[in-house]
């Protein structure tokens, strides 16, 4: 099959006529459709970029909020730790003050008990000495006579020394 000259001519004429008709009728709508599609794709890409920027801003904002919340939580923990330390110190100081007060009261009570015991011993010694004097002398002395006797005994002892 070899092409004949007429067939080639009419094929070329038909092709050029079809091309001209497509140029007039279909080319502009195809180009316009392609341009619209290009515009929509560009707009979609721009919208995606804007959405991506908004997401990045939201992510940055969220990270900032999380960092601020962490800092605030750390500040609260530190503040509570310091408050607990102050309360602990106050409790220790109060306990020390209470212990010191109890120690002072105990010392005072011991001193009062000691003084009372010494006074009781003195009274007992006086009673015993009065009883011994009564048995030696044979008569009961009143307190003034007994004190006079004691003073005389003390003076005699001083002379001996």
C-alpha atoms as a PDB file:
ATOM      1  CA  UNK A   1       0.000   0.000   0.000  1.00  0.00           C
ATOM      2  CA  UNK A   2       1.508   3.099  -1.184  1.00  0.00           C
ATOM      3  CA  UNK A   3      -0.228   6.293  -0.611  1.00  0.00           C
ATOM      4  CA  UNK A   4      -1.548   8.065  -3.609  1.00  0.00           C
ATOM      5  CA  UNK A   5      -1.022  11.747  -4.169  1.00  0.00           C
ATOM      6  CA  UNK A   6      -4.725  12.577  -4.043  1.00  0.00           C
ATOM      7  CA  UNK A   7      -5.262  10.809  -0.808  1.00  0.00           C
ATOM      8  CA  UNK A   8      -2.380  12.634   0.775  1.00  0.00           C
ATOM      9  CA  UNK A   9      -3.708  15.958  -0.495  1.00  0.00           C
ATOM     10  CA  UNK A  10      -7.234  15.381   0.740  1.00  0.00           C
ATOM     11  CA  UNK A  11      -5.966  14.004   4.041  1.00  0.00           C
ATOM     12  CA  UNK A  12      -3.876  17.142   4.497  1.00  0.00           C
ATOM     13  CA  UNK A  13      -6.801  19.404   3.505  1.00  0.00           C
ATOM     14  CA  UNK A  14      -9.115  17.525   5.857  1.00  0.00           C
ATOM     15  CA  UNK A  15      -6.554  17.703   8.630  1.00  0.00           C
ATOM     16  CA  UNK A  16      -6.018  21.465   8.132  1.00  0.00           C
ATOM     17  CA  UNK A  17      -9.806  22.064   7.897  1.00  0.00           C
ATOM     18  CA  UNK A  18     -10.358  20.028  11.028  1.00  0.00           C
ATOM     19  CA  UNK A  19      -7.533  21.875  12.727  1.00  0.00           C
ATOM     20  CA  UNK A  20      -9.052  25.265  11.768  1.00  0.00           C
ATOM     21  CA  UNK A  21     -12.493  24.177  12.950  1.00  0.00           C
ATOM     22  CA  UNK A  22     -11.045  22.935  16.230  1.00  0.00           C
ATOM     23  CA  UNK A  23      -9.087  26.176  16.476  1.00  0.00           C
ATOM     24  CA  UNK A  24     -12.265  28.235  16.103  1.00  0.00           C
ATOM     25  CA  UNK A  25     -14.618  26.039  18.087  1.00  0.00           C
ATOM     26  CA  UNK A  26     -12.703  23.903  20.599  1.00  0.00           C
ATOM     27  CA  UNK A  27      -9.269  25.483  21.055  1.00  0.00           C
ATOM     28  CA  UNK A  28     -10.448  28.517  23.037  1.00  0.00           C
ATOM     29  CA  UNK A  29     -12.649  26.480  25.420  1.00  0.00           C
ATOM     30  CA  UNK A  30      -9.834  23.930  25.886  1.00  0.00           C
ATOM     31  CA  UNK A  31      -7.295  26.704  26.584  1.00  0.00           C
ATOM     32  CA  UNK A  32      -9.820  28.467  28.794  1.00  0.00           C
ATOM     33  CA  UNK A  33     -10.544  25.207  30.676  1.00  0.00           C
ATOM     34  CA  UNK A  34      -6.822  24.605  31.061  1.00  0.00           C
ATOM     35  CA  UNK A  35      -6.322  28.183  32.304  1.00  0.00           C
ATOM     36  CA  UNK A  36      -9.204  27.809  34.761  1.00  0.00           C
ATOM     37  CA  UNK A  37      -7.785  24.502  35.940  1.00  0.00           C
ATOM     38  CA  UNK A  38      -4.349  26.118  36.348  1.00  0.00           C
ATOM     39  CA  UNK A  39      -5.938  28.977  38.302  1.00  0.00           C
ATOM     40  CA  UNK A  40      -7.850  26.552  40.550  1.00  0.00           C
ATOM     41  CA  UNK A  41      -4.707  24.506  41.134  1.00  0.00           C
ATOM     42  CA  UNK A  42      -2.733  27.691  41.961  1.00  0.00           C
ATOM     43  CA  UNK A  43      -5.499  28.895  44.291  1.00  0.00           C
ATOM     44  CA  UNK A  44      -5.630  25.465  45.935  1.00  0.00           C
ATOM     45  CA  UNK A  45      -1.868  25.515  46.424  1.00  0.00           C
ATOM     46  CA  UNK A  46      -2.051  29.043  47.893  1.00  0.00           C
ATOM     47  CA  UNK A  47      -4.909  27.969  50.162  1.00  0.00           C
ATOM     48  CA  UNK A  48      -2.895  24.931  51.242  1.00  0.00           C
ATOM     49  CA  UNK A  49       0.104  27.166  51.973  1.00  0.00           C
ATOM     50  CA  UNK A  50      -2.096  29.522  54.000  1.00  0.00           C
ATOM     51  CA  UNK A  51      -3.613  26.570  55.857  1.00  0.00           C
ATOM     52  CA  UNK A  52      -0.123  25.206  56.495  1.00  0.00           C
ATOM     53  CA  UNK A  53       0.965  28.605  57.840  1.00  0.00           C
ATOM     54  CA  UNK A  54      -2.103  28.734  60.100  1.00  0.00           C
ATOM     55  CA  UNK A  55      -1.370  25.212  61.337  1.00  0.00           C
ATOM     56  CA  UNK A  56       2.255  26.191  62.005  1.00  0.00           C
ATOM     57  CA  UNK A  57       1.086  29.321  63.866  1.00  0.00           C
ATOM     58  CA  UNK A  58      -1.408  27.257  65.865  1.00  0.00           C
ATOM     59  CA  UNK A  59       1.290  24.693  66.633  1.00  0.00           C
ATOM     60  CA  UNK A  60       3.696  27.428  67.740  1.00  0.00           C
ATOM     61  CA  UNK A  61       0.957  29.024  69.818  1.00  0.00           C
ATOM     62  CA  UNK A  62       0.100  25.665  71.374  1.00  0.00           C
ATOM     63  CA  UNK A  63       3.757  25.021  72.174  1.00  0.00           C
ATOM     64  CA  UNK A  64       3.976  28.473  73.780  1.00  0.00           C
ATOM     65  CA  UNK A  65       0.850  27.776  75.839  1.00  0.00           C
ATOM     66  CA  UNK A  66       2.240  24.392  76.927  1.00  0.00           C
ATOM     67  CA  UNK A  67       5.578  25.981  77.846  1.00  0.00           C
ATOM     68  CA  UNK A  68       3.781  28.707  79.830  1.00  0.00           C
ATOM     69  CA  UNK A  69       1.642  26.088  81.589  1.00  0.00           C
ATOM     70  CA  UNK A  70       4.741  24.054  82.449  1.00  0.00           C
ATOM     71  CA  UNK A  71       6.461  27.172  83.809  1.00  0.00           C
ATOM     72  CA  UNK A  72       3.379  28.067  85.836  1.00  0.00           C
ATOM     73  CA  UNK A  73       3.171  24.525  87.187  1.00  0.00           C
ATOM     74  CA  UNK A  74       6.857  24.619  88.137  1.00  0.00           C
ATOM     75  CA  UNK A  75       6.319  28.013  89.821  1.00  0.00           C
ATOM     76  CA  UNK A  76       3.355  26.621  91.767  1.00  0.00           C
ATOM     77  CA  UNK A  77       5.356  23.564  92.817  1.00  0.00           C
ATOM     78  CA  UNK A  78       8.275  25.762  93.905  1.00  0.00           C
ATOM     79  CA  UNK A  79       5.947  28.127  95.767  1.00  0.00           C
ATOM     80  CA  UNK A  80       4.279  25.198  97.554  1.00  0.00           C
ATOM     81  CA  UNK A  81       7.669  23.679  98.380  1.00  0.00           C
ATOM     82  CA  UNK A  82       8.766  26.971  99.933  1.00  0.00           C
ATOM     83  CA  UNK A  83       5.479  27.270 101.827  1.00  0.00           C
ATOM     84  CA  UNK A  84       5.873  23.711 103.115  1.00  0.00           C
ATOM     85  CA  UNK A  85       9.439  24.504 104.176  1.00  0.00           C
ATOM     86  CA  UNK A  86       8.208  27.591 106.055  1.00  0.00           C
ATOM     87  CA  UNK A  87       5.477  25.566 107.764  1.00  0.00           C
ATOM     88  CA  UNK A  88       8.041  22.903 108.690  1.00  0.00           C
ATOM     89  CA  UNK A  89      10.346  25.563 110.147  1.00  0.00           C
ATOM     90  CA  UNK A  90       7.443  27.094 112.089  1.00  0.00           C
ATOM     91  CA  UNK A  91       6.501  23.676 113.467  1.00  0.00           C
ATOM     92  CA  UNK A  92      10.107  23.011 114.484  1.00  0.00           C
ATOM     93  CA  UNK A  93      10.381  26.444 116.130  1.00  0.00           C
ATOM     94  CA  UNK A  94       7.079  25.940 117.962  1.00  0.00           C
ATOM     95  CA  UNK A  95       8.161  22.463 119.090  1.00  0.00           C
ATOM     96  CA  UNK A  96      11.497  23.858 120.302  1.00  0.00           C
ATOM     97  CA  UNK A  97       9.714  26.683 122.121  1.00  0.00           C
ATOM     98  CA  UNK A  98       7.281  24.218 123.704  1.00  0.00           C
ATOM     99  CA  UNK A  99      10.165  21.944 124.726  1.00  0.00           C
ATOM    100  CA  UNK A 100      12.040  24.895 126.218  1.00  0.00           C
ATOM    101  CA  UNK A 101       8.909  25.973 128.106  1.00  0.00           C
ATOM    102  CA  UNK A 102       8.379  22.429 129.384  1.00  0.00           C
ATOM    103  CA  UNK A 103      12.033  22.241 130.432  1.00  0.00           C
ATOM    104  CA  UNK A 104      11.738  25.578 132.253  1.00  0.00           C
ATOM    105  CA  UNK A 105       8.549  24.427 133.979  1.00  0.00           C
ATOM    106  CA  UNK A 106      10.147  21.120 134.938  1.00  0.00           C
ATOM    107  CA  UNK A 107      13.226  22.911 136.345  1.00  0.00           C
ATOM    108  CA  UNK A 108      10.983  25.268 138.294  1.00  0.00           C
ATOM    109  CA  UNK A 109       8.936  22.360 139.658  1.00  0.00           C
ATOM    110  CA  UNK A 110      12.111  20.471 140.568  1.00  0.00           C
ATOM    111  CA  UNK A 111      13.464  23.548 142.327  1.00  0.00           C
ATOM    112  CA  UNK A 112      10.170  24.037 144.185  1.00  0.00           C
ATOM    113  CA  UNK A 113      10.125  20.351 145.176  1.00  0.00           C
ATOM    114  CA  UNK A 114      13.755  20.576 146.304  1.00  0.00           C
ATOM    115  CA  UNK A 115      13.034  23.704 148.347  1.00  0.00           C
ATOM    116  CA  UNK A 116       9.975  22.038 149.892  1.00  0.00           C
ATOM    117  CA  UNK A 117      12.006  18.912 150.674  1.00  0.00           C
ATOM    118  CA  UNK A 118      14.733  21.029 152.307  1.00  0.00           C
ATOM    119  CA  UNK A 119      12.088  22.887 154.302  1.00  0.00           C
ATOM    120  CA  UNK A 120      10.522  19.577 155.356  1.00  0.00           C
ATOM    121  CA  UNK A 121      13.952  18.258 156.375  1.00  0.00           C
ATOM    122  CA  UNK A 122      14.594  21.429 158.381  1.00  0.00           C
ATOM    123  CA  UNK A 123      11.238  21.149 160.096  1.00  0.00           C
ATOM    124  CA  UNK A 124      11.879  17.479 160.811  1.00  0.00           C
ATOM    125  CA  UNK A 125      15.352  18.310 162.156  1.00  0.00           C
ATOM    126  CA  UNK A 126      13.864  20.988 164.384  1.00  0.00           C
ATOM    127  CA  UNK A 127      11.223  18.571 165.637  1.00  0.00           C
ATOM    128  CA  UNK A 128      13.816  15.860 166.230  1.00  0.00           C
ATOM    129  CA  UNK A 129      16.164  18.236 167.965  1.00  0.00           C
ATOM    130  CA  UNK A 130      13.281  19.524 170.111  1.00  0.00           C
ATOM    131  CA  UNK A 131      12.354  15.955 170.995  1.00  0.00           C
ATOM    132  CA  UNK A 132      15.987  15.108 171.772  1.00  0.00           C
ATOM    133  CA  UNK A 133      16.321  18.263 173.859  1.00  0.00           C
ATOM    134  CA  UNK A 134      13.161  17.399 175.739  1.00  0.00           C
ATOM    135  CA  UNK A 135      14.516  14.003 176.591  1.00  0.00           C
ATOM    136  CA  UNK A 136      17.944  15.386 177.584  1.00  0.00           C
ATOM    137  CA  UNK A 137      16.716  18.348 179.585  1.00  0.00           C
ATOM    138  CA  UNK A 138      13.553  16.795 180.729  1.00  0.00           C
ATOM    139  CA  UNK A 139      11.277  19.624 179.787  1.00  0.00           C
ATOM    140  CA  UNK A 140       9.701  20.810 176.546  1.00  0.00           C
ATOM    141  CA  UNK A 141      11.123  24.012 175.142  1.00  0.00           C
ATOM    142  CA  UNK A 142       9.144  26.418 173.100  1.00  0.00           C
ATOM    143  CA  UNK A 143      10.475  27.669 169.841  1.00  0.00           C
ATOM    144  CA  UNK A 144      12.178  30.813 171.201  1.00  0.00           C
ATOM    145  CA  UNK A 145      13.950  28.843 173.934  1.00  0.00           C
ATOM    146  CA  UNK A 146      15.011  26.291 171.398  1.00  0.00           C
ATOM    147  CA  UNK A 147      16.429  28.974 169.078  1.00  0.00           C
ATOM    148  CA  UNK A 148      18.311  30.517 171.995  1.00  0.00           C
ATOM    149  CA  UNK A 149      19.777  27.127 172.858  1.00  0.00           C
ATOM    150  CA  UNK A 150      20.816  26.602 169.239  1.00  0.00           C
ATOM    151  CA  UNK A 151      22.461  30.032 169.086  1.00  0.00           C
ATOM    152  CA  UNK A 152      24.377  29.325 172.283  1.00  0.00           C
ATOM    153  CA  UNK A 153      25.517  25.986 170.881  1.00  0.00           C
ATOM    154  CA  UNK A 154      26.685  27.656 167.683  1.00  0.00           C
ATOM    155  CA  UNK A 155      28.652  30.252 169.669  1.00  0.00           C
ATOM    156  CA  UNK A 156      30.326  27.535 171.712  1.00  0.00           C
ATOM    157  CA  UNK A 157      31.283  25.669 168.537  1.00  0.00           C
ATOM    158  CA  UNK A 158      32.770  28.821 167.087  1.00  0.00           C
ATOM    159  CA  UNK A 159      34.881  29.320 170.183  1.00  0.00           C
ATOM    160  CA  UNK A 160      36.194  25.805 169.922  1.00  0.00           C
ATOM    161  CA  UNK A 161      37.303  26.332 166.336  1.00  0.00           C
END
